[in-house]
Amino acid sequence: MLATLSAVTAAVLLGGTTGGYTVDAEGRFAPPAAFIPSAAVTYDQSYVPAAASIRVLQRTGTGGATTIDLRITGVRPDHSFGASVHRYPCGALPADAGPRYQDQPGGGDGNEVRLDFTTDARGTGAATDRHSWGFRRGEAASVVIQDRPGDDATRVACFTVPFGWVTA
């Protein structure tokens, strides 16, 4: 919880910037109706059990080039998942995170942050995606985990991340 709060503070204090910065957020998954709410929400515990953990690190360099790293533990072992950055925070329903973030709405390849990963026998996975562009203010808010890679996959979990942005 402290790391997530630190990430929120970092994103707020840094605001938009053309210089470099880092946002580091981590959480433990809980069902949407959990007594203690979490920024990490699981919609299907057969894929992402409660108490599985996630860490998302955003590194944005001078000029906006951005790298997103994802690390997840305690999820379904030996399985390929889809993951991507979405426009809105997680909510009680999988669709609450809205559509995928796109650098150029309606653009082609390289226009989205894709973080597909395959877990090992212990249920640990990782992914990295790099782009020459950064997020626009208020338009990237979560990482959605899907039951498999691809556009027609089912959303099984979501993690609200206080992503930073780049100003013009």
C-alpha atoms as a PDB file:
ATOM      1  CA  MET A   1       0.000   0.000   0.000  1.00  0.00           C
ATOM      2  CA  LEU A   2       2.805   2.419   0.852  1.00  0.00           C
ATOM      3  CA  ALA A   3       4.442   1.954  -2.573  1.00  0.00           C
ATOM      4  CA  THR A   4       1.121   2.686  -4.285  1.00  0.00           C
ATOM      5  CA  LEU A   5       0.707   5.842  -2.197  1.00  0.00           C
ATOM      6  CA  SER A   6       4.264   6.874  -3.057  1.00  0.00           C
ATOM      7  CA  ALA A   7       3.501   6.416  -6.751  1.00  0.00           C
ATOM      8  CA  VAL A   8       0.415   8.613  -6.453  1.00  0.00           C
ATOM      9  CA  THR A   9       2.468  11.271  -4.705  1.00  0.00           C
ATOM     10  CA  ALA A  10       5.197  11.092  -7.353  1.00  0.00           C
ATOM     11  CA  ALA A  11       2.719  11.462 -10.198  1.00  0.00           C
ATOM     12  CA  VAL A  12       0.986  14.424  -8.552  1.00  0.00           C
ATOM     13  CA  LEU A  13       4.199  16.215  -7.596  1.00  0.00           C
ATOM     14  CA  LEU A  14       5.834  15.724 -10.964  1.00  0.00           C
ATOM     15  CA  GLY A  15       2.819  16.735 -13.015  1.00  0.00           C
ATOM     16  CA  GLY A  16       3.460  16.977 -16.706  1.00  0.00           C
ATOM     17  CA  THR A  17       7.034  17.337 -17.764  1.00  0.00           C
ATOM     18  CA  THR A  18       9.266  17.332 -20.772  1.00  0.00           C
ATOM     19  CA  GLY A  19      12.106  16.082 -18.517  1.00  0.00           C
ATOM     20  CA  GLY A  20      12.484  12.545 -17.245  1.00  0.00           C
ATOM     21  CA  TYR A  21      10.664  10.916 -14.336  1.00  0.00           C
ATOM     22  CA  THR A  22       9.589   7.562 -12.916  1.00  0.00           C
ATOM     23  CA  VAL A  23       6.267   6.296 -11.561  1.00  0.00           C
ATOM     24  CA  ASP A  24       6.445   3.069  -9.538  1.00  0.00           C
ATOM     25  CA  ALA A  25       3.149   1.472  -8.447  1.00  0.00           C
ATOM     26  CA  GLU A  26       2.446  -1.883  -6.858  1.00  0.00           C
ATOM     27  CA  GLY A  27      -0.585  -3.627  -5.435  1.00  0.00           C
ATOM     28  CA  ARG A  28      -2.226  -6.851  -4.324  1.00  0.00           C
ATOM     29  CA  PHE A  29      -5.316  -8.054  -6.136  1.00  0.00           C
ATOM     30  CA  ALA A  30      -8.681  -8.187  -4.372  1.00  0.00           C
ATOM     31  CA  PRO A  31     -12.230  -8.759  -5.627  1.00  0.00           C
ATOM     32  CA  PRO A  32     -14.178  -5.573  -6.514  1.00  0.00           C
ATOM     33  CA  ALA A  33     -16.390  -5.906  -3.402  1.00  0.00           C
ATOM     34  CA  ALA A  34     -13.513  -6.578  -0.969  1.00  0.00           C
ATOM     35  CA  PHE A  35     -13.888  -5.094   2.520  1.00  0.00           C
ATOM     36  CA  ILE A  36     -10.559  -3.310   2.040  1.00  0.00           C
ATOM     37  CA  PRO A  37     -10.520  -1.857  -1.492  1.00  0.00           C
ATOM     38  CA  SER A  38      -7.450  -2.228  -3.670  1.00  0.00           C
ATOM     39  CA  ALA A  39      -6.121  -0.468  -6.758  1.00  0.00           C
ATOM     40  CA  ALA A  40      -5.609  -4.010  -8.122  1.00  0.00           C
ATOM     41  CA  VAL A  41      -8.942  -5.717  -8.863  1.00  0.00           C
ATOM     42  CA  THR A  42      -9.475  -9.342  -9.873  1.00  0.00           C
ATOM     43  CA  TYR A  43     -12.606 -10.255 -11.812  1.00  0.00           C
ATOM     44  CA  ASP A  44     -11.746 -13.965 -12.253  1.00  0.00           C
ATOM     45  CA  GLN A  45      -9.773 -15.596  -9.460  1.00  0.00           C
ATOM     46  CA  SER A  46      -9.139 -18.729 -11.507  1.00  0.00           C
ATOM     47  CA  TYR A  47      -6.660 -16.592 -13.491  1.00  0.00           C
ATOM     48  CA  VAL A  48      -5.675 -13.895 -10.967  1.00  0.00           C
ATOM     49  CA  PRO A  49      -6.309 -15.017  -7.366  1.00  0.00           C
ATOM     50  CA  ALA A  50      -6.849 -12.537  -4.555  1.00  0.00           C
ATOM     51  CA  ALA A  51      -3.473 -11.609  -2.991  1.00  0.00           C
ATOM     52  CA  ALA A  52      -1.563 -12.032  -6.286  1.00  0.00           C
ATOM     53  CA  SER A  53       0.727  -9.032  -6.718  1.00  0.00           C
ATOM     54  CA  ILE A  54       1.537  -6.607  -9.510  1.00  0.00           C
ATOM     55  CA  ARG A  55       4.122  -3.885 -10.040  1.00  0.00           C
ATOM     56  CA  VAL A  56       4.100  -1.372 -12.888  1.00  0.00           C
ATOM     57  CA  LEU A  57       7.044   0.941 -13.475  1.00  0.00           C
ATOM     58  CA  GLN A  58       6.834   3.875 -15.905  1.00  0.00           C
ATOM     59  CA  ARG A  59      10.093   5.538 -16.948  1.00  0.00           C
ATOM     60  CA  THR A  60       9.714   8.594 -19.150  1.00  0.00           C
ATOM     61  CA  GLY A  61      12.821  10.287 -20.467  1.00  0.00           C
ATOM     62  CA  THR A  62      13.513  13.773 -21.694  1.00  0.00           C
ATOM     63  CA  GLY A  63      11.303  14.429 -24.699  1.00  0.00           C
ATOM     64  CA  GLY A  64       8.681  11.848 -23.735  1.00  0.00           C
ATOM     65  CA  ALA A  65      10.131   8.447 -24.694  1.00  0.00           C
ATOM     66  CA  THR A  66       8.429   6.003 -22.317  1.00  0.00           C
ATOM     67  CA  THR A  67       9.127   2.485 -21.058  1.00  0.00           C
ATOM     68  CA  ILE A  68       6.510   0.532 -19.120  1.00  0.00           C
ATOM     69  CA  ASP A  69       7.586  -2.541 -17.127  1.00  0.00           C
ATOM     70  CA  LEU A  70       5.089  -4.998 -15.641  1.00  0.00           C
ATOM     71  CA  ARG A  71       5.825  -7.742 -13.124  1.00  0.00           C
ATOM     72  CA  ILE A  72       3.115 -10.007 -11.747  1.00  0.00           C
ATOM     73  CA  THR A  73       3.276 -12.895  -9.271  1.00  0.00           C
ATOM     74  CA  GLY A  74       0.855 -15.451  -7.881  1.00  0.00           C
ATOM     75  CA  VAL A  75      -1.320 -15.798 -10.990  1.00  0.00           C
ATOM     76  CA  ARG A  76      -2.182 -18.881 -13.081  1.00  0.00           C
ATOM     77  CA  PRO A  77       1.076 -20.749 -13.814  1.00  0.00           C
ATOM     78  CA  ASP A  78       2.301 -21.662 -17.306  1.00  0.00           C
ATOM     79  CA  HIS A  79      -0.259 -19.413 -18.991  1.00  0.00           C
ATOM     80  CA  SER A  80      -0.122 -16.655 -21.645  1.00  0.00           C
ATOM     81  CA  PHE A  81      -1.936 -13.457 -20.679  1.00  0.00           C
ATOM     82  CA  GLY A  82      -2.709 -10.288 -22.572  1.00  0.00           C
ATOM     83  CA  ALA A  83      -2.136  -6.916 -20.910  1.00  0.00           C
ATOM     84  CA  SER A  84      -2.384  -3.299 -22.029  1.00  0.00           C
ATOM     85  CA  VAL A  85      -2.721   0.268 -20.756  1.00  0.00           C
ATOM     86  CA  HIS A  86      -6.312   1.554 -20.665  1.00  0.00           C
ATOM     87  CA  ARG A  87      -7.887   5.010 -20.485  1.00  0.00           C
ATOM     88  CA  TYR A  88      -9.804   4.880 -17.177  1.00  0.00           C
ATOM     89  CA  PRO A  89      -9.248   3.581 -13.633  1.00  0.00           C
ATOM     90  CA  CYS A  90     -10.428   0.101 -12.669  1.00  0.00           C
ATOM     91  CA  GLY A  91     -13.935  -0.298 -11.339  1.00  0.00           C
ATOM     92  CA  ALA A  92     -16.387  -2.908 -10.155  1.00  0.00           C
ATOM     93  CA  LEU A  93     -16.880  -4.121 -13.735  1.00  0.00           C
ATOM     94  CA  PRO A  94     -14.164  -5.127 -16.222  1.00  0.00           C
ATOM     95  CA  ALA A  95     -15.445  -2.623 -18.809  1.00  0.00           C
ATOM     96  CA  ASP A  96     -14.977   0.313 -16.396  1.00  0.00           C
ATOM     97  CA  ALA A  97     -11.338   0.728 -17.507  1.00  0.00           C
ATOM     98  CA  GLY A  98     -12.615   1.754 -20.943  1.00  0.00           C
ATOM     99  CA  PRO A  99     -10.720   1.336 -24.204  1.00  0.00           C
ATOM    100  CA  ARG A 100      -6.982   0.883 -24.630  1.00  0.00           C
ATOM    101  CA  TYR A 101      -4.872   4.029 -24.539  1.00  0.00           C
ATOM    102  CA  GLN A 102      -3.750   5.011 -28.051  1.00  0.00           C
ATOM    103  CA  ASP A 103      -1.030   7.533 -28.810  1.00  0.00           C
ATOM    104  CA  GLN A 104      -2.858   8.472 -32.002  1.00  0.00           C
ATOM    105  CA  PRO A 105      -6.526   7.467 -31.741  1.00  0.00           C
ATOM    106  CA  GLY A 106      -7.311   5.102 -34.594  1.00  0.00           C
ATOM    107  CA  GLY A 107      -3.613   4.700 -35.461  1.00  0.00           C
ATOM    108  CA  GLY A 108      -1.815   1.521 -36.486  1.00  0.00           C
ATOM    109  CA  ASP A 109       0.903  -0.683 -34.977  1.00  0.00           C
ATOM    110  CA  GLY A 110       2.998   0.763 -32.164  1.00  0.00           C
ATOM    111  CA  ASN A 111       0.100   2.989 -31.118  1.00  0.00           C
ATOM    112  CA  GLU A 112      -0.734   1.139 -27.861  1.00  0.00           C
ATOM    113  CA  VAL A 113       1.169  -0.126 -24.842  1.00  0.00           C
ATOM    114  CA  ARG A 114       1.012  -3.938 -25.034  1.00  0.00           C
ATOM    115  CA  LEU A 115       2.376  -5.924 -22.110  1.00  0.00           C
ATOM    116  CA  ASP A 116       1.480  -9.530 -23.009  1.00  0.00           C
ATOM    117  CA  PHE A 117       3.351 -12.091 -20.900  1.00  0.00           C
ATOM    118  CA  THR A 118       3.616 -15.817 -20.162  1.00  0.00           C
ATOM    119  CA  THR A 119       3.932 -17.015 -16.581  1.00  0.00           C
ATOM    120  CA  ASP A 120       6.369 -19.610 -15.343  1.00  0.00           C
ATOM    121  CA  ALA A 121       5.547 -22.671 -13.216  1.00  0.00           C
ATOM    122  CA  ARG A 122       5.238 -20.430 -10.125  1.00  0.00           C
ATOM    123  CA  GLY A 123       2.808 -17.969 -11.738  1.00  0.00           C
ATOM    124  CA  THR A 124       5.328 -15.175 -12.239  1.00  0.00           C
ATOM    125  CA  GLY A 125       5.434 -13.123 -15.423  1.00  0.00           C
ATOM    126  CA  ALA A 126       6.974  -9.929 -16.762  1.00  0.00           C
ATOM    127  CA  ALA A 127       6.755  -7.690 -19.806  1.00  0.00           C
ATOM    128  CA  THR A 128       8.239  -4.448 -21.110  1.00  0.00           C
ATOM    129  CA  ASP A 129       7.045  -2.087 -23.833  1.00  0.00           C
ATOM    130  CA  ARG A 130       8.935   0.970 -25.102  1.00  0.00           C
ATOM    131  CA  HIS A 131       7.698   3.878 -27.212  1.00  0.00           C
ATOM    132  CA  SER A 132       9.099   7.170 -28.477  1.00  0.00           C
ATOM    133  CA  TRP A 133       5.971   8.900 -27.145  1.00  0.00           C
ATOM    134  CA  GLY A 134       4.536   9.541 -23.683  1.00  0.00           C
ATOM    135  CA  PHE A 135       1.008   9.608 -22.317  1.00  0.00           C
ATOM    136  CA  ARG A 136      -1.292  12.607 -22.560  1.00  0.00           C
ATOM    137  CA  ARG A 137      -2.492  14.090 -19.267  1.00  0.00           C
ATOM    138  CA  GLY A 138      -5.448  12.201 -17.795  1.00  0.00           C
ATOM    139  CA  GLU A 139      -5.745   9.697 -20.655  1.00  0.00           C
ATOM    140  CA  ALA A 140      -3.893   6.644 -19.261  1.00  0.00           C
ATOM    141  CA  ALA A 141      -5.082   5.249 -15.934  1.00  0.00           C
ATOM    142  CA  SER A 142      -4.828   1.457 -15.674  1.00  0.00           C
ATOM    143  CA  VAL A 143      -3.324  -1.814 -16.851  1.00  0.00           C
ATOM    144  CA  VAL A 144      -5.894  -4.457 -17.810  1.00  0.00           C
ATOM    145  CA  ILE A 145      -4.955  -8.156 -17.652  1.00  0.00           C
ATOM    146  CA  GLN A 146      -6.757 -10.474 -20.105  1.00  0.00           C
ATOM    147  CA  ASP A 147      -7.191 -14.256 -20.114  1.00  0.00           C
ATOM    148  CA  ARG A 148      -5.048 -14.465 -23.277  1.00  0.00           C
ATOM    149  CA  PRO A 149      -3.291 -12.158 -25.746  1.00  0.00           C
ATOM    150  CA  GLY A 150      -5.405 -10.676 -28.522  1.00  0.00           C
ATOM    151  CA  ASP A 151      -8.147  -8.184 -29.169  1.00  0.00           C
ATOM    152  CA  ASP A 152     -11.050 -10.565 -28.407  1.00  0.00           C
ATOM    153  CA  ALA A 153      -9.791 -11.715 -24.979  1.00  0.00           C
ATOM    154  CA  THR A 154     -11.708 -11.481 -21.684  1.00  0.00           C
ATOM    155  CA  ARG A 155     -10.643  -8.991 -19.000  1.00  0.00           C
ATOM    156  CA  VAL A 156      -9.749 -10.913 -15.822  1.00  0.00           C
ATOM    157  CA  ALA A 157      -8.040  -8.233 -13.698  1.00  0.00           C
ATOM    158  CA  CYS A 158      -7.178  -4.527 -13.629  1.00  0.00           C
ATOM    159  CA  PHE A 159      -4.652  -2.319 -11.828  1.00  0.00           C
ATOM    160  CA  THR A 160      -5.174   1.437 -11.487  1.00  0.00           C
ATOM    161  CA  VAL A 161      -1.828   3.205 -12.044  1.00  0.00           C
ATOM    162  CA  PRO A 162      -1.160   6.938 -11.549  1.00  0.00           C
ATOM    163  CA  PHE A 163       0.668   7.288 -14.874  1.00  0.00           C
ATOM    164  CA  GLY A 164       2.551  10.512 -15.505  1.00  0.00           C
ATOM    165  CA  TRP A 165       2.257  12.483 -18.736  1.00  0.00           C
ATOM    166  CA  VAL A 166       4.246  14.628 -21.097  1.00  0.00           C
ATOM    167  CA  THR A 167       3.449  18.251 -21.851  1.00  0.00           C
ATOM    168  CA  ALA A 168       3.980  19.777 -25.259  1.00  0.00           C
END
